[in-house]
């Protein structure tokens, strides 16, 4: 029985970390980005930023700036789950 218990503990340590349910896939985030960047200029500016800045703040993230969100910043926040409750 000790051997079985030891194997169970060892096996559990070898299991890779599982993504939290808050995380979003890169594909879902890219689709969201494509809908968010309405003028296709490669950044969210003006009215485009408002819902995303708010969602980032609600998720405990601090946007670099509140009037522009780069694609890189958007993707990071999205993949970390900041926009998981947004519908677009």
C-alpha atoms as a PDB file:
ATOM      1  CA  UNK A   1       0.000   0.000   0.000  1.00  0.00           C
ATOM      2  CA  UNK A   2       2.901   2.403   0.748  1.00  0.00           C
ATOM      3  CA  UNK A   3       4.303   1.793  -2.735  1.00  0.00           C
ATOM      4  CA  UNK A   4       0.943   2.537  -4.336  1.00  0.00           C
ATOM      5  CA  UNK A   5       0.574   5.757  -2.340  1.00  0.00           C
ATOM      6  CA  UNK A   6       4.119   6.805  -3.269  1.00  0.00           C
ATOM      7  CA  UNK A   7       3.450   6.176  -6.940  1.00  0.00           C
ATOM      8  CA  UNK A   8       0.285   8.242  -6.754  1.00  0.00           C
ATOM      9  CA  UNK A   9       2.187  11.182  -5.262  1.00  0.00           C
ATOM     10  CA  UNK A  10       4.981  10.871  -7.836  1.00  0.00           C
ATOM     11  CA  UNK A  11       2.453  10.625 -10.650  1.00  0.00           C
ATOM     12  CA  UNK A  12       0.645  13.731  -9.481  1.00  0.00           C
ATOM     13  CA  UNK A  13       3.883  15.706  -9.419  1.00  0.00           C
ATOM     14  CA  UNK A  14       4.520  14.781 -13.061  1.00  0.00           C
ATOM     15  CA  UNK A  15       1.180  16.121 -14.277  1.00  0.00           C
ATOM     16  CA  UNK A  16       1.670  19.408 -16.140  1.00  0.00           C
ATOM     17  CA  UNK A  17      -0.073  22.516 -14.903  1.00  0.00           C
ATOM     18  CA  UNK A  18      -3.575  22.880 -16.244  1.00  0.00           C
ATOM     19  CA  UNK A  19      -4.755  26.190 -17.611  1.00  0.00           C
ATOM     20  CA  UNK A  20      -7.307  27.884 -15.447  1.00  0.00           C
ATOM     21  CA  UNK A  21     -10.814  28.269 -16.762  1.00  0.00           C
ATOM     22  CA  UNK A  22     -10.144  32.011 -16.942  1.00  0.00           C
ATOM     23  CA  UNK A  23      -7.561  31.648 -19.695  1.00  0.00           C
ATOM     24  CA  UNK A  24      -8.518  31.989 -23.342  1.00  0.00           C
ATOM     25  CA  UNK A  25      -6.856  30.357 -26.315  1.00  0.00           C
ATOM     26  CA  UNK A  26      -4.627  32.345 -28.641  1.00  0.00           C
ATOM     27  CA  UNK A  27      -7.052  31.624 -31.495  1.00  0.00           C
ATOM     28  CA  UNK A  28     -10.026  32.983 -29.533  1.00  0.00           C
ATOM     29  CA  UNK A  29      -8.007  36.027 -28.502  1.00  0.00           C
ATOM     30  CA  UNK A  30      -6.935  36.708 -32.104  1.00  0.00           C
ATOM     31  CA  UNK A  31     -10.566  36.487 -33.240  1.00  0.00           C
ATOM     32  CA  UNK A  32     -11.529  38.920 -30.478  1.00  0.00           C
ATOM     33  CA  UNK A  33      -8.685  41.242 -31.493  1.00  0.00           C
ATOM     34  CA  UNK A  34      -9.827  41.218 -35.126  1.00  0.00           C
ATOM     35  CA  UNK A  35     -13.322  42.282 -34.030  1.00  0.00           C
ATOM     36  CA  UNK A  36     -12.010  44.880 -31.554  1.00  0.00           C
ATOM     37  CA  UNK A  37      -9.604  46.626 -33.949  1.00  0.00           C
ATOM     38  CA  UNK A  38     -12.465  48.035 -35.992  1.00  0.00           C
ATOM     39  CA  UNK A  39     -10.337  50.330 -38.147  1.00  0.00           C
ATOM     40  CA  UNK A  40      -7.636  47.667 -38.633  1.00  0.00           C
ATOM     41  CA  UNK A  41      -4.789  50.004 -37.688  1.00  0.00           C
ATOM     42  CA  UNK A  42      -2.988  47.506 -35.449  1.00  0.00           C
ATOM     43  CA  UNK A  43      -3.886  49.155 -32.141  1.00  0.00           C
ATOM     44  CA  UNK A  44      -6.994  49.878 -30.159  1.00  0.00           C
ATOM     45  CA  UNK A  45      -7.499  53.618 -29.835  1.00  0.00           C
ATOM     46  CA  UNK A  46     -10.251  56.002 -28.846  1.00  0.00           C
ATOM     47  CA  UNK A  47     -13.612  54.325 -28.312  1.00  0.00           C
ATOM     48  CA  UNK A  48     -12.127  50.930 -29.178  1.00  0.00           C
ATOM     49  CA  UNK A  49     -10.196  50.846 -25.891  1.00  0.00           C
ATOM     50  CA  UNK A  50     -12.931  51.590 -23.343  1.00  0.00           C
ATOM     51  CA  UNK A  51     -14.414  48.116 -22.751  1.00  0.00           C
ATOM     52  CA  UNK A  52     -11.007  46.432 -22.802  1.00  0.00           C
ATOM     53  CA  UNK A  53      -9.318  48.880 -20.431  1.00  0.00           C
ATOM     54  CA  UNK A  54     -12.256  48.438 -18.064  1.00  0.00           C
ATOM     55  CA  UNK A  55     -12.044  44.637 -18.293  1.00  0.00           C
ATOM     56  CA  UNK A  56      -8.286  44.710 -17.710  1.00  0.00           C
ATOM     57  CA  UNK A  57      -8.720  46.863 -14.605  1.00  0.00           C
ATOM     58  CA  UNK A  58     -11.536  44.602 -13.338  1.00  0.00           C
ATOM     59  CA  UNK A  59      -9.155  41.650 -13.749  1.00  0.00           C
ATOM     60  CA  UNK A  60      -6.537  43.424 -11.632  1.00  0.00           C
ATOM     61  CA  UNK A  61      -4.302  44.316 -14.575  1.00  0.00           C
ATOM     62  CA  UNK A  62      -2.862  47.760 -15.149  1.00  0.00           C
ATOM     63  CA  UNK A  63      -2.978  48.854 -18.799  1.00  0.00           C
ATOM     64  CA  UNK A  64       0.193  50.545 -20.031  1.00  0.00           C
ATOM     65  CA  UNK A  65      -1.953  53.456 -21.247  1.00  0.00           C
ATOM     66  CA  UNK A  66      -5.706  53.995 -21.130  1.00  0.00           C
ATOM     67  CA  UNK A  67      -6.071  55.550 -24.581  1.00  0.00           C
ATOM     68  CA  UNK A  68      -4.232  52.904 -26.626  1.00  0.00           C
ATOM     69  CA  UNK A  69      -3.825  49.141 -26.378  1.00  0.00           C
ATOM     70  CA  UNK A  70      -1.256  47.417 -28.555  1.00  0.00           C
ATOM     71  CA  UNK A  71      -1.957  44.007 -30.059  1.00  0.00           C
ATOM     72  CA  UNK A  72       0.755  42.493 -27.841  1.00  0.00           C
ATOM     73  CA  UNK A  73      -0.762  43.948 -24.668  1.00  0.00           C
ATOM     74  CA  UNK A  74      -4.264  42.914 -25.766  1.00  0.00           C
ATOM     75  CA  UNK A  75      -3.211  39.330 -26.510  1.00  0.00           C
ATOM     76  CA  UNK A  76      -1.408  38.960 -23.180  1.00  0.00           C
ATOM     77  CA  UNK A  77      -4.381  40.292 -21.236  1.00  0.00           C
ATOM     78  CA  UNK A  78      -6.781  38.155 -23.245  1.00  0.00           C
ATOM     79  CA  UNK A  79      -4.786  34.940 -22.842  1.00  0.00           C
ATOM     80  CA  UNK A  80      -4.573  35.695 -19.107  1.00  0.00           C
ATOM     81  CA  UNK A  81      -8.379  35.813 -19.001  1.00  0.00           C
ATOM     82  CA  UNK A  82      -9.114  39.543 -18.717  1.00  0.00           C
ATOM     83  CA  UNK A  83     -11.749  39.434 -21.472  1.00  0.00           C
ATOM     84  CA  UNK A  84     -13.299  36.034 -20.685  1.00  0.00           C
ATOM     85  CA  UNK A  85     -16.695  37.529 -19.779  1.00  0.00           C
ATOM     86  CA  UNK A  86     -16.905  39.841 -22.762  1.00  0.00           C
ATOM     87  CA  UNK A  87     -19.209  39.123 -25.661  1.00  0.00           C
ATOM     88  CA  UNK A  88     -18.587  40.777 -28.959  1.00  0.00           C
END
